[in-house]
Amino acid sequence: MKNQEKVFKEVRKVTQELIRCGLAEEYNFPIMQKTDVVWEKYMDISRYLKNMEYTTIYGEIEKNHNFNMKLPDGGILQFMYRFNSRGTELQSHRLAYYPSPSYEIYQNDAELYDADYLYGDILNKAVLPVVIRADYNNREIDSGIHHPYSHVTLGSYKNCRIPANKPISPIQFVKFIMEHFYYEPSSQMEFNFQLESIVKFEEHIAERDAQKSRIVI
C-alpha cells in the first residue's frame, strides 16, 4: 500500500474513533485529491487570512466547515498531507489544532458545561487559546529564518519552530492533543489511546536541529 493511501486510511481510522466515543461533534471524512490527503469541503484559505485576528481566522474555518473534526468545546482539527506523484514519498504536511476563541457559543448550554467537570476549562476565562501546528517539508525552505524539516509551532509565533525528529502521523497528532489538552474527557469517553499508526515515517532532522531541545516522535 502506498504511503498516501496509508495516511488516508489513518485519518479515516482516527476520525471514526473520535466519532465513536463522542468527541467529534462535526466532521468531514478524508479524501485523496491528486497528490494530497485533505477532507471533504476542503478550501485553501490560508492566503487571505494572513495577519488577521485569530477570532476571524477561526470564524472562517468554522463557518465553512473547513476541517476534519470539531470537538465538543469547539476545538478544530485539520490534517493536510502532500505526496509525490506516485503517492510514495511525503512532500509536506500541515497539522493544526485551533481551540475555540470564544465562550459565546456555549451560552445556551452553560449549565450543562458548568456542571460537567470534564469541560471545566471551557468556562475558565483565564485559559488562553493556543493554536498548535505541526509542519513538515522534505526540502530546505528558502528563507532568512531557519525552518527545521519537521517542527511544531505554538500560538502562531513567527519564530517558534520546535524541531521534531520526523514527520507526524495523524494518530500521533490526535493522541498528543487528547493526552495534553483533553485528558479528562477523552479518558471518561473511552478514547482508544492504544490506536496504532498505519504509516511509519522515517527520521528526518538536520544535524543542527538534532543538537537542540526537540520533540522525539
N, C-alpha and C. Protein backbone atom coordinates (compact mmCIF):
# COMPACT_ATOMS: atom_id res chain seq x y z
N MET A 1 0.84 -1.19 0.00
CA MET A 1 0.00 0.00 0.00
C MET A 1 0.88 1.25 0.00
N LYS A 2 0.57 2.22 -0.85
CA LYS A 2 1.34 3.45 -0.92
C LYS A 2 1.14 4.28 0.34
N ASN A 3 2.13 5.11 0.67
CA ASN A 3 2.04 5.93 1.88
C ASN A 3 0.86 6.88 1.85
N GLN A 4 0.52 7.40 0.67
CA GLN A 4 -0.64 8.29 0.60
C GLN A 4 -1.91 7.55 1.02
N GLU A 5 -2.04 6.31 0.58
CA GLU A 5 -3.21 5.51 0.95
C GLU A 5 -3.20 5.18 2.44
N LYS A 6 -2.00 4.93 2.99
CA LYS A 6 -1.90 4.65 4.42
C LYS A 6 -2.34 5.85 5.26
N VAL A 7 -1.89 7.04 4.87
CA VAL A 7 -2.29 8.25 5.60
C VAL A 7 -3.80 8.46 5.49
N PHE A 8 -4.34 8.26 4.29
CA PHE A 8 -5.79 8.38 4.10
C PHE A 8 -6.54 7.44 5.04
N LYS A 9 -6.10 6.18 5.10
CA LYS A 9 -6.75 5.20 5.97
C LYS A 9 -6.59 5.58 7.44
N GLU A 10 -5.44 6.15 7.78
CA GLU A 10 -5.20 6.51 9.18
C GLU A 10 -6.07 7.69 9.61
N VAL A 11 -6.22 8.68 8.74
CA VAL A 11 -7.10 9.82 9.09
C VAL A 11 -8.53 9.31 9.24
N ARG A 12 -8.93 8.43 8.35
CA ARG A 12 -10.29 7.87 8.45
C ARG A 12 -10.45 7.08 9.75
N LYS A 13 -9.44 6.32 10.12
CA LYS A 13 -9.47 5.50 11.33
C LYS A 13 -9.62 6.36 12.58
N VAL A 14 -8.84 7.43 12.68
CA VAL A 14 -8.91 8.26 13.88
C VAL A 14 -10.19 9.11 13.89
N THR A 15 -10.69 9.46 12.71
CA THR A 15 -11.98 10.16 12.63
C THR A 15 -13.09 9.27 13.16
N GLN A 16 -13.12 8.03 12.72
CA GLN A 16 -14.14 7.08 13.19
C GLN A 16 -14.05 6.85 14.69
N GLU A 17 -12.82 6.84 15.24
CA GLU A 17 -12.67 6.65 16.68
C GLU A 17 -13.21 7.84 17.46
N LEU A 18 -12.95 9.05 17.00
CA LEU A 18 -13.46 10.23 17.69
C LEU A 18 -14.98 10.32 17.58
N ILE A 19 -15.53 9.88 16.45
CA ILE A 19 -16.99 9.83 16.31
C ILE A 19 -17.57 8.79 17.28
N ARG A 20 -16.94 7.62 17.33
CA ARG A 20 -17.43 6.53 18.17
C ARG A 20 -17.56 6.93 19.63
N CYS A 21 -16.53 7.65 20.14
CA CYS A 21 -16.56 7.97 21.57
C CYS A 21 -17.19 9.34 21.85
N GLY A 22 -17.75 9.98 20.84
CA GLY A 22 -18.49 11.22 21.06
C GLY A 22 -17.65 12.47 21.14
N LEU A 23 -16.41 12.40 20.64
CA LEU A 23 -15.54 13.58 20.69
C LEU A 23 -15.49 14.35 19.37
N ALA A 24 -16.21 13.88 18.37
CA ALA A 24 -16.29 14.61 17.10
C ALA A 24 -17.74 15.02 16.89
N GLU A 25 -18.05 16.27 17.23
CA GLU A 25 -19.42 16.74 17.10
C GLU A 25 -19.76 17.04 15.64
N GLU A 26 -18.77 17.52 14.90
CA GLU A 26 -18.91 17.73 13.46
C GLU A 26 -17.65 17.17 12.81
N TYR A 27 -17.78 16.71 11.57
CA TYR A 27 -16.61 16.11 10.93
C TYR A 27 -16.79 16.05 9.42
N ASN A 28 -15.67 15.96 8.74
CA ASN A 28 -15.60 15.67 7.31
C ASN A 28 -14.64 14.51 7.14
N PHE A 29 -15.05 13.49 6.42
CA PHE A 29 -14.16 12.37 6.19
C PHE A 29 -13.05 12.77 5.22
N PRO A 30 -11.88 12.11 5.32
CA PRO A 30 -10.77 12.45 4.43
C PRO A 30 -11.03 12.04 2.99
N ILE A 31 -10.36 12.72 2.07
CA ILE A 31 -10.39 12.35 0.66
C ILE A 31 -8.97 12.44 0.12
N MET A 32 -8.71 11.68 -0.95
CA MET A 32 -7.45 11.82 -1.68
C MET A 32 -7.73 12.68 -2.90
N GLN A 33 -7.01 13.79 -2.98
CA GLN A 33 -7.21 14.76 -4.05
C GLN A 33 -5.89 14.92 -4.79
N LYS A 34 -5.74 14.16 -5.88
CA LYS A 34 -4.48 14.10 -6.62
C LYS A 34 -3.35 13.66 -5.68
N THR A 35 -2.40 14.53 -5.38
CA THR A 35 -1.27 14.13 -4.52
C THR A 35 -1.54 14.41 -3.04
N ASP A 36 -2.70 14.94 -2.72
CA ASP A 36 -2.98 15.37 -1.36
C ASP A 36 -3.96 14.45 -0.64
N VAL A 37 -3.84 14.43 0.69
CA VAL A 37 -4.88 13.88 1.56
C VAL A 37 -5.42 15.07 2.34
N VAL A 38 -6.68 15.40 2.09
CA VAL A 38 -7.32 16.53 2.77
C VAL A 38 -8.68 16.05 3.28
N TRP A 39 -9.72 16.86 3.23
CA TRP A 39 -11.03 16.47 3.72
C TRP A 39 -12.10 16.97 2.75
N GLU A 40 -13.27 16.38 2.86
CA GLU A 40 -14.42 16.86 2.11
C GLU A 40 -14.65 18.33 2.48
N LYS A 41 -14.99 19.16 1.53
CA LYS A 41 -15.22 20.60 1.72
C LYS A 41 -13.93 21.38 1.92
N TYR A 42 -12.79 20.75 1.65
CA TYR A 42 -11.50 21.43 1.82
C TYR A 42 -11.40 22.67 0.94
N MET A 43 -10.94 23.77 1.54
CA MET A 43 -10.64 25.00 0.82
C MET A 43 -9.34 25.56 1.39
N ASP A 44 -8.46 26.01 0.51
CA ASP A 44 -7.22 26.64 0.97
C ASP A 44 -7.50 28.13 1.18
N ILE A 45 -7.67 28.51 2.44
CA ILE A 45 -7.99 29.91 2.75
C ILE A 45 -6.84 30.60 3.47
N SER A 46 -5.67 29.93 3.50
CA SER A 46 -4.55 30.44 4.30
C SER A 46 -4.04 31.79 3.79
N ARG A 47 -4.09 31.99 2.48
CA ARG A 47 -3.50 33.21 1.93
C ARG A 47 -4.26 34.46 2.36
N TYR A 48 -5.60 34.43 2.23
CA TYR A 48 -6.32 35.65 2.53
C TYR A 48 -6.61 35.84 4.02
N LEU A 49 -6.22 34.86 4.84
CA LEU A 49 -6.39 35.02 6.29
C LEU A 49 -5.09 35.45 6.98
N LYS A 50 -4.04 35.69 6.20
CA LYS A 50 -2.77 36.08 6.80
C LYS A 50 -2.91 37.40 7.56
N ASN A 51 -2.27 37.44 8.73
CA ASN A 51 -2.23 38.64 9.57
C ASN A 51 -3.60 39.11 10.06
N MET A 52 -4.58 38.22 10.04
CA MET A 52 -5.89 38.55 10.60
C MET A 52 -5.96 38.11 12.05
N GLU A 53 -6.90 38.68 12.79
CA GLU A 53 -7.08 38.30 14.18
C GLU A 53 -7.52 36.83 14.26
N TYR A 54 -7.14 36.19 15.36
CA TYR A 54 -7.45 34.77 15.50
C TYR A 54 -8.94 34.49 15.45
N THR A 55 -9.75 35.37 16.05
CA THR A 55 -11.19 35.14 16.03
C THR A 55 -11.73 35.12 14.60
N THR A 56 -11.15 35.93 13.71
CA THR A 56 -11.57 35.96 12.32
C THR A 56 -11.16 34.67 11.61
N ILE A 57 -9.93 34.24 11.85
CA ILE A 57 -9.44 33.00 11.24
C ILE A 57 -10.30 31.81 11.67
N TYR A 58 -10.51 31.69 12.97
CA TYR A 58 -11.33 30.59 13.49
C TYR A 58 -12.74 30.66 12.91
N GLY A 59 -13.30 31.86 12.88
CA GLY A 59 -14.66 32.04 12.38
C GLY A 59 -14.82 31.60 10.94
N GLU A 60 -13.84 31.90 10.11
CA GLU A 60 -13.90 31.50 8.70
C GLU A 60 -13.80 29.98 8.56
N ILE A 61 -12.90 29.38 9.34
CA ILE A 61 -12.76 27.91 9.30
C ILE A 61 -14.06 27.25 9.74
N GLU A 62 -14.63 27.74 10.83
CA GLU A 62 -15.86 27.14 11.37
C GLU A 62 -17.04 27.35 10.42
N LYS A 63 -17.18 28.56 9.91
CA LYS A 63 -18.31 28.89 9.03
C LYS A 63 -18.35 28.01 7.79
N ASN A 64 -17.16 27.73 7.24
CA ASN A 64 -17.07 26.94 6.01
C ASN A 64 -16.91 25.44 6.27
N HIS A 65 -16.98 25.03 7.55
CA HIS A 65 -16.77 23.63 7.92
C HIS A 65 -15.48 23.11 7.29
N ASN A 66 -14.44 23.94 7.35
CA ASN A 66 -13.18 23.66 6.67
C ASN A 66 -12.23 22.94 7.63
N PHE A 67 -12.62 21.71 8.00
CA PHE A 67 -11.84 20.97 8.99
C PHE A 67 -12.13 19.48 8.87
N ASN A 68 -11.29 18.70 9.53
CA ASN A 68 -11.57 17.27 9.66
C ASN A 68 -12.58 17.01 10.75
N MET A 69 -12.33 17.64 11.93
CA MET A 69 -13.20 17.40 13.07
C MET A 69 -13.35 18.65 13.92
N LYS A 70 -14.53 18.78 14.51
CA LYS A 70 -14.77 19.82 15.51
C LYS A 70 -15.15 19.13 16.80
N LEU A 71 -14.43 19.43 17.87
CA LEU A 71 -14.61 18.77 19.16
C LEU A 71 -15.73 19.44 19.96
N PRO A 72 -16.20 18.80 21.05
CA PRO A 72 -17.34 19.34 21.79
C PRO A 72 -17.14 20.75 22.34
N ASP A 73 -15.91 21.16 22.63
CA ASP A 73 -15.68 22.50 23.16
C ASP A 73 -15.36 23.50 22.05
N GLY A 74 -15.52 23.10 20.79
CA GLY A 74 -15.26 24.00 19.68
C GLY A 74 -13.87 23.86 19.09
N GLY A 75 -12.99 23.07 19.71
CA GLY A 75 -11.66 22.87 19.16
C GLY A 75 -11.74 22.22 17.79
N ILE A 76 -10.88 22.65 16.87
CA ILE A 76 -10.91 22.18 15.49
C ILE A 76 -9.59 21.48 15.15
N LEU A 77 -9.68 20.37 14.42
CA LEU A 77 -8.52 19.62 13.97
C LEU A 77 -8.47 19.59 12.45
N GLN A 78 -7.28 19.81 11.89
CA GLN A 78 -7.06 19.73 10.45
C GLN A 78 -5.84 18.86 10.17
N PHE A 79 -5.93 18.05 9.10
CA PHE A 79 -4.82 17.22 8.65
C PHE A 79 -4.64 17.38 7.15
N MET A 80 -3.51 17.88 6.72
CA MET A 80 -3.22 18.05 5.29
C MET A 80 -1.87 17.42 4.99
N TYR A 81 -1.85 16.46 4.08
CA TYR A 81 -0.62 15.78 3.67
C TYR A 81 -0.46 15.86 2.16
N ARG A 82 0.75 16.07 1.71
CA ARG A 82 1.03 16.12 0.27
C ARG A 82 2.16 15.13 -0.06
N PHE A 83 1.94 14.35 -1.14
CA PHE A 83 2.89 13.32 -1.55
C PHE A 83 3.40 13.60 -2.97
N ASN A 84 4.40 12.84 -3.38
CA ASN A 84 4.86 12.94 -4.76
C ASN A 84 3.80 12.33 -5.68
N SER A 85 4.03 12.42 -6.98
CA SER A 85 3.01 11.99 -7.96
C SER A 85 2.71 10.50 -7.88
N ARG A 86 3.62 9.70 -7.33
CA ARG A 86 3.39 8.26 -7.18
C ARG A 86 2.73 7.90 -5.85
N GLY A 87 2.59 8.88 -4.97
CA GLY A 87 1.96 8.62 -3.68
C GLY A 87 2.83 7.86 -2.72
N THR A 88 4.13 7.82 -3.00
CA THR A 88 5.04 7.01 -2.17
C THR A 88 5.86 7.83 -1.18
N GLU A 89 6.16 9.07 -1.53
CA GLU A 89 7.05 9.89 -0.70
C GLU A 89 6.32 11.13 -0.18
N LEU A 90 6.37 11.33 1.12
CA LEU A 90 5.75 12.51 1.72
C LEU A 90 6.55 13.77 1.36
N GLN A 91 5.85 14.75 0.82
CA GLN A 91 6.49 16.02 0.48
C GLN A 91 6.33 17.03 1.62
N SER A 92 5.13 17.07 2.19
CA SER A 92 4.88 18.05 3.27
C SER A 92 3.62 17.65 4.03
N HIS A 93 3.50 18.19 5.22
CA HIS A 93 2.23 18.08 5.94
C HIS A 93 2.01 19.34 6.77
N ARG A 94 0.75 19.58 7.05
CA ARG A 94 0.35 20.69 7.93
C ARG A 94 -0.79 20.17 8.79
N LEU A 95 -0.50 19.98 10.07
CA LEU A 95 -1.49 19.50 11.04
C LEU A 95 -1.77 20.65 11.99
N ALA A 96 -3.03 20.85 12.33
CA ALA A 96 -3.36 22.01 13.15
C ALA A 96 -4.47 21.71 14.14
N TYR A 97 -4.35 22.34 15.31
CA TYR A 97 -5.39 22.35 16.33
C TYR A 97 -5.73 23.80 16.63
N TYR A 98 -7.00 24.17 16.41
CA TYR A 98 -7.47 25.53 16.67
C TYR A 98 -8.48 25.48 17.83
N PRO A 99 -8.12 25.95 19.01
CA PRO A 99 -9.10 25.99 20.10
C PRO A 99 -10.13 27.10 19.86
N SER A 100 -11.29 26.94 20.46
CA SER A 100 -12.31 27.98 20.31
C SER A 100 -11.84 29.27 20.98
N PRO A 101 -11.97 30.41 20.30
CA PRO A 101 -11.54 31.68 20.89
C PRO A 101 -12.62 32.34 21.73
N SER A 102 -13.80 31.72 21.81
CA SER A 102 -14.93 32.41 22.44
C SER A 102 -15.75 31.45 23.27
N TYR A 103 -16.34 31.97 24.34
CA TYR A 103 -17.25 31.19 25.17
C TYR A 103 -18.70 31.39 24.75
N GLU A 104 -18.95 32.29 23.81
CA GLU A 104 -20.32 32.66 23.46
C GLU A 104 -21.09 31.48 22.88
N ILE A 105 -20.42 30.60 22.16
CA ILE A 105 -21.14 29.51 21.51
C ILE A 105 -21.70 28.51 22.52
N TYR A 106 -21.29 28.62 23.79
CA TYR A 106 -21.78 27.69 24.80
C TYR A 106 -22.83 28.32 25.72
N GLN A 107 -23.30 29.53 25.39
CA GLN A 107 -24.23 30.21 26.28
C GLN A 107 -25.51 29.41 26.49
N ASN A 108 -25.98 28.77 25.42
CA ASN A 108 -27.22 28.02 25.53
C ASN A 108 -27.08 26.77 26.40
N ASP A 109 -25.86 26.27 26.55
CA ASP A 109 -25.61 25.06 27.33
C ASP A 109 -24.72 25.34 28.54
N ALA A 110 -24.77 26.56 29.03
CA ALA A 110 -23.85 26.95 30.11
C ALA A 110 -24.01 26.05 31.33
N GLU A 111 -25.26 25.74 31.71
CA GLU A 111 -25.47 24.92 32.91
C GLU A 111 -24.90 23.53 32.72
N LEU A 112 -25.09 22.97 31.52
CA LEU A 112 -24.57 21.63 31.24
C LEU A 112 -23.06 21.60 31.40
N TYR A 113 -22.37 22.58 30.81
CA TYR A 113 -20.92 22.57 30.85
C TYR A 113 -20.40 22.95 32.23
N ASP A 114 -21.13 23.81 32.91
CA ASP A 114 -20.69 24.21 34.25
C ASP A 114 -20.77 23.03 35.20
N ALA A 115 -21.77 22.18 35.01
CA ALA A 115 -21.95 21.03 35.89
C ALA A 115 -21.00 19.90 35.53
N ASP A 116 -20.49 19.91 34.33
CA ASP A 116 -19.66 18.81 33.85
C ASP A 116 -18.20 19.18 33.98
N TYR A 117 -17.53 18.58 34.96
CA TYR A 117 -16.13 18.94 35.20
C TYR A 117 -15.23 18.54 34.04
N LEU A 118 -15.72 17.68 33.17
CA LEU A 118 -14.89 17.23 32.05
C LEU A 118 -14.47 18.40 31.16
N TYR A 119 -15.36 19.39 31.03
CA TYR A 119 -15.06 20.53 30.17
C TYR A 119 -14.95 21.82 30.98
N GLY A 120 -14.41 21.69 32.18
CA GLY A 120 -14.29 22.86 33.05
C GLY A 120 -13.46 23.97 32.45
N ASP A 121 -12.46 23.61 31.63
CA ASP A 121 -11.60 24.64 31.04
C ASP A 121 -12.36 25.57 30.11
N ILE A 122 -13.47 25.10 29.55
CA ILE A 122 -14.22 25.92 28.60
C ILE A 122 -14.68 27.22 29.25
N LEU A 123 -15.11 27.12 30.51
CA LEU A 123 -15.65 28.30 31.20
C LEU A 123 -14.60 29.04 31.99
N ASN A 124 -13.37 28.59 31.94
CA ASN A 124 -12.30 29.27 32.66
C ASN A 124 -11.71 30.36 31.78
N LYS A 125 -12.07 31.59 32.07
CA LYS A 125 -11.67 32.70 31.20
C LYS A 125 -10.19 33.05 31.34
N ALA A 126 -9.51 32.38 32.26
CA ALA A 126 -8.06 32.59 32.37
C ALA A 126 -7.29 31.77 31.34
N VAL A 127 -7.99 30.83 30.69
CA VAL A 127 -7.33 29.97 29.71
C VAL A 127 -7.13 30.73 28.41
N LEU A 128 -5.92 30.74 27.91
CA LEU A 128 -5.59 31.41 26.66
C LEU A 128 -5.60 30.40 25.52
N PRO A 129 -6.46 30.61 24.50
CA PRO A 129 -6.46 29.68 23.35
C PRO A 129 -5.12 29.72 22.62
N VAL A 130 -4.50 28.57 22.43
CA VAL A 130 -3.21 28.49 21.76
C VAL A 130 -3.31 27.55 20.56
N VAL A 131 -3.02 28.08 19.39
CA VAL A 131 -3.01 27.26 18.18
C VAL A 131 -1.76 26.38 18.20
N ILE A 132 -1.93 25.11 17.82
CA ILE A 132 -0.80 24.19 17.72
C ILE A 132 -0.72 23.70 16.29
N ARG A 133 0.43 23.89 15.66
CA ARG A 133 0.65 23.42 14.30
C ARG A 133 1.86 22.52 14.25
N ALA A 134 1.76 21.47 13.46
CA ALA A 134 2.90 20.59 13.20
C ALA A 134 3.13 20.58 11.70
N ASP A 135 4.23 21.15 11.27
CA ASP A 135 4.52 21.29 9.83
C ASP A 135 5.72 20.44 9.44
N TYR A 136 5.69 20.00 8.19
CA TYR A 136 6.81 19.24 7.65
C TYR A 136 7.01 19.61 6.20
N ASN A 137 8.28 19.75 5.79
CA ASN A 137 8.63 19.92 4.39
C ASN A 137 9.91 19.12 4.16
N ASN A 138 9.94 18.29 3.12
CA ASN A 138 11.09 17.42 2.94
C ASN A 138 12.27 18.12 2.27
N ARG A 139 12.10 19.42 1.95
CA ARG A 139 13.18 20.19 1.36
C ARG A 139 13.49 21.41 2.24
N GLU A 140 14.70 21.90 2.08
CA GLU A 140 15.07 23.13 2.78
C GLU A 140 14.22 24.27 2.25
N ILE A 141 13.66 25.06 3.14
CA ILE A 141 12.86 26.22 2.73
C ILE A 141 13.77 27.42 2.58
N ASP A 142 13.67 28.08 1.43
CA ASP A 142 14.50 29.25 1.15
C ASP A 142 13.94 30.44 1.93
N SER A 143 14.54 30.72 3.06
CA SER A 143 14.04 31.77 3.95
C SER A 143 15.18 32.30 4.80
N GLY A 144 15.03 33.54 5.24
CA GLY A 144 16.03 34.11 6.14
C GLY A 144 15.96 33.51 7.53
N ILE A 145 14.87 32.80 7.81
CA ILE A 145 14.66 32.17 9.11
C ILE A 145 14.77 30.66 8.94
N HIS A 146 15.51 30.02 9.80
CA HIS A 146 15.69 28.57 9.70
C HIS A 146 14.39 27.83 9.97
N HIS A 147 14.06 26.88 9.09
CA HIS A 147 12.90 26.02 9.25
C HIS A 147 13.36 24.57 9.39
N PRO A 148 13.24 23.96 10.57
CA PRO A 148 13.51 22.52 10.65
C PRO A 148 12.57 21.78 9.69
N TYR A 149 13.03 20.66 9.16
CA TYR A 149 12.18 19.89 8.24
C TYR A 149 10.81 19.62 8.87
N SER A 150 10.83 19.10 10.09
CA SER A 150 9.60 18.84 10.83
C SER A 150 9.65 19.68 12.10
N HIS A 151 8.59 20.44 12.36
CA HIS A 151 8.61 21.29 13.55
C HIS A 151 7.20 21.58 14.05
N VAL A 152 7.13 21.94 15.31
CA VAL A 152 5.86 22.28 15.96
C VAL A 152 5.89 23.76 16.31
N THR A 153 4.79 24.44 16.02
CA THR A 153 4.64 25.86 16.31
C THR A 153 3.52 26.05 17.32
N LEU A 154 3.77 26.84 18.33
CA LEU A 154 2.76 27.12 19.36
C LEU A 154 2.32 28.58 19.26
N GLY A 155 1.02 28.78 19.22
CA GLY A 155 0.48 30.13 19.28
C GLY A 155 0.74 31.00 18.07
N SER A 156 1.12 30.42 16.94
CA SER A 156 1.38 31.18 15.70
C SER A 156 2.51 32.19 15.84
N TYR A 157 3.38 32.00 16.83
CA TYR A 157 4.52 32.90 16.96
C TYR A 157 5.48 32.66 15.78
N LYS A 158 5.88 33.74 15.14
CA LYS A 158 6.67 33.67 13.91
C LYS A 158 7.96 32.88 14.08
N ASN A 159 8.63 33.06 15.20
CA ASN A 159 9.93 32.42 15.40
C ASN A 159 9.88 31.17 16.27
N CYS A 160 8.67 30.69 16.54
CA CYS A 160 8.54 29.46 17.34
C CYS A 160 8.48 28.26 16.41
N ARG A 161 9.59 27.57 16.28
CA ARG A 161 9.65 26.35 15.47
C ARG A 161 10.44 25.31 16.27
N ILE A 162 9.73 24.48 16.99
CA ILE A 162 10.38 23.47 17.82
C ILE A 162 10.66 22.25 16.95
N PRO A 163 11.92 21.88 16.76
CA PRO A 163 12.24 20.77 15.85
C PRO A 163 11.62 19.45 16.33
N ALA A 164 11.17 18.66 15.37
CA ALA A 164 10.75 17.28 15.63
C ALA A 164 11.64 16.38 14.79
N ASN A 165 11.83 15.16 15.23
CA ASN A 165 12.81 14.30 14.55
C ASN A 165 12.27 13.62 13.29
N LYS A 166 10.96 13.74 13.04
CA LYS A 166 10.39 13.12 11.84
C LYS A 166 8.99 13.69 11.58
N PRO A 167 8.41 13.42 10.43
CA PRO A 167 7.02 13.80 10.20
C PRO A 167 6.10 13.12 11.22
N ILE A 168 4.93 13.69 11.40
CA ILE A 168 4.00 13.22 12.43
C ILE A 168 2.77 12.61 11.76
N SER A 169 2.37 11.45 12.22
CA SER A 169 1.21 10.78 11.64
C SER A 169 -0.07 11.36 12.25
N PRO A 170 -1.22 11.16 11.58
CA PRO A 170 -2.49 11.68 12.11
C PRO A 170 -2.81 11.18 13.51
N ILE A 171 -2.62 9.87 13.75
CA ILE A 171 -2.94 9.31 15.07
C ILE A 171 -2.00 9.86 16.13
N GLN A 172 -0.73 10.03 15.81
CA GLN A 172 0.21 10.61 16.77
C GLN A 172 -0.22 12.02 17.17
N PHE A 173 -0.67 12.80 16.19
CA PHE A 173 -1.08 14.18 16.48
C PHE A 173 -2.33 14.20 17.36
N VAL A 174 -3.31 13.38 17.02
CA VAL A 174 -4.55 13.34 17.81
C VAL A 174 -4.26 12.86 19.23
N LYS A 175 -3.42 11.85 19.39
CA LYS A 175 -3.07 11.38 20.73
C LYS A 175 -2.42 12.49 21.54
N PHE A 176 -1.54 13.26 20.90
CA PHE A 176 -0.89 14.37 21.60
C PHE A 176 -1.92 15.38 22.10
N ILE A 177 -2.87 15.73 21.25
CA ILE A 177 -3.90 16.70 21.65
C ILE A 177 -4.78 16.12 22.75
N MET A 178 -5.20 14.87 22.60
CA MET A 178 -6.06 14.24 23.61
C MET A 178 -5.35 14.09 24.95
N GLU A 179 -4.10 13.68 24.92
CA GLU A 179 -3.36 13.44 26.17
C GLU A 179 -3.07 14.72 26.93
N HIS A 180 -2.80 15.81 26.22
CA HIS A 180 -2.33 17.02 26.89
C HIS A 180 -3.36 18.14 27.00
N PHE A 181 -4.46 18.04 26.27
CA PHE A 181 -5.48 19.10 26.33
C PHE A 181 -6.87 18.56 26.65
N TYR A 182 -7.10 17.27 26.44
CA TYR A 182 -8.44 16.70 26.64
C TYR A 182 -8.36 15.39 27.43
N TYR A 183 -7.42 15.29 28.35
CA TYR A 183 -7.22 14.00 29.01
C TYR A 183 -8.47 13.54 29.78
N GLU A 184 -9.10 14.45 30.52
CA GLU A 184 -10.29 14.06 31.29
C GLU A 184 -11.42 13.62 30.37
N PRO A 185 -11.86 14.45 29.43
CA PRO A 185 -12.97 14.00 28.58
C PRO A 185 -12.63 12.79 27.73
N SER A 186 -11.40 12.73 27.20
CA SER A 186 -11.07 11.60 26.34
C SER A 186 -10.98 10.31 27.13
N SER A 187 -10.53 10.38 28.40
CA SER A 187 -10.48 9.19 29.25
C SER A 187 -11.88 8.74 29.65
N GLN A 188 -12.70 9.70 30.08
CA GLN A 188 -14.05 9.36 30.51
C GLN A 188 -14.90 8.83 29.36
N MET A 189 -14.66 9.34 28.17
CA MET A 189 -15.44 8.92 27.00
C MET A 189 -14.77 7.75 26.27
N GLU A 190 -13.70 7.22 26.89
CA GLU A 190 -13.04 5.99 26.45
C GLU A 190 -12.46 6.09 25.05
N PHE A 191 -11.78 7.20 24.78
CA PHE A 191 -10.98 7.27 23.56
C PHE A 191 -9.91 6.20 23.63
N ASN A 192 -9.68 5.53 22.52
CA ASN A 192 -8.73 4.41 22.49
C ASN A 192 -7.30 4.94 22.31
N PHE A 193 -6.59 5.10 23.41
CA PHE A 193 -5.21 5.60 23.36
C PHE A 193 -4.25 4.54 22.81
N GLN A 194 -4.74 3.32 22.59
CA GLN A 194 -3.89 2.25 22.05
C GLN A 194 -3.93 2.19 20.53
N LEU A 195 -4.62 3.11 19.89
CA LEU A 195 -4.67 3.13 18.42
C LEU A 195 -3.25 3.14 17.86
N GLU A 196 -3.01 2.29 16.88
CA GLU A 196 -1.69 2.19 16.26
C GLU A 196 -1.68 2.94 14.93
N SER A 197 -0.59 3.63 14.68
CA SER A 197 -0.43 4.32 13.39
C SER A 197 -0.28 3.29 12.28
N ILE A 198 -0.86 3.60 11.14
CA ILE A 198 -0.74 2.74 9.96
C ILE A 198 0.51 3.08 9.17
N VAL A 199 0.83 4.36 9.13
CA VAL A 199 2.00 4.83 8.38
C VAL A 199 3.18 5.04 9.33
N LYS A 200 4.36 4.67 8.91
CA LYS A 200 5.58 4.87 9.70
C LYS A 200 6.53 5.76 8.90
N PHE A 201 6.80 6.94 9.41
CA PHE A 201 7.70 7.86 8.72
C PHE A 201 9.13 7.69 9.22
N GLU A 202 10.06 7.89 8.31
CA GLU A 202 11.48 7.80 8.65
C GLU A 202 11.94 9.09 9.33
N GLU A 203 12.98 8.98 10.15
CA GLU A 203 13.55 10.17 10.79
C GLU A 203 14.11 11.11 9.73
N HIS A 204 13.85 12.39 9.93
CA HIS A 204 14.36 13.41 9.01
C HIS A 204 14.59 14.70 9.81
N ILE A 205 15.82 14.89 10.24
CA ILE A 205 16.15 16.06 11.04
C ILE A 205 17.57 16.51 10.70
N ALA A 206 17.77 17.81 10.56
CA ALA A 206 19.09 18.34 10.26
C ALA A 206 19.99 18.22 11.49
N GLU A 207 21.29 18.11 11.26
CA GLU A 207 22.23 17.93 12.37
C GLU A 207 22.14 19.08 13.37
N ARG A 208 21.98 20.30 12.87
CA ARG A 208 21.90 21.46 13.77
C ARG A 208 20.68 21.39 14.67
N ASP A 209 19.58 20.79 14.17
CA ASP A 209 18.37 20.67 14.98
C ASP A 209 18.46 19.50 15.96
N ALA A 210 19.25 18.49 15.60
CA ALA A 210 19.43 17.34 16.48
C ALA A 210 20.22 17.72 17.72
N GLN A 211 20.92 18.86 17.68
CA GLN A 211 21.71 19.31 18.81
C GLN A 211 20.88 20.19 19.77
N LYS A 212 19.68 20.54 19.36
CA LYS A 212 18.81 21.42 20.17
C LYS A 212 17.83 20.60 20.99
N SER A 213 17.13 21.29 21.90
CA SER A 213 15.96 20.66 22.51
C SER A 213 14.97 20.43 21.39
N ARG A 214 14.29 19.28 21.40
CA ARG A 214 13.47 18.92 20.27
C ARG A 214 12.40 17.93 20.71
N ILE A 215 11.46 17.67 19.82
CA ILE A 215 10.41 16.68 20.07
C ILE A 215 10.80 15.39 19.38
N VAL A 216 10.80 14.30 20.12
CA VAL A 216 11.12 12.98 19.56
C VAL A 216 9.82 12.20 19.40
N ILE A 217 9.51 11.85 18.17
CA ILE A 217 8.25 11.17 17.87
C ILE A 217 8.39 9.66 18.12
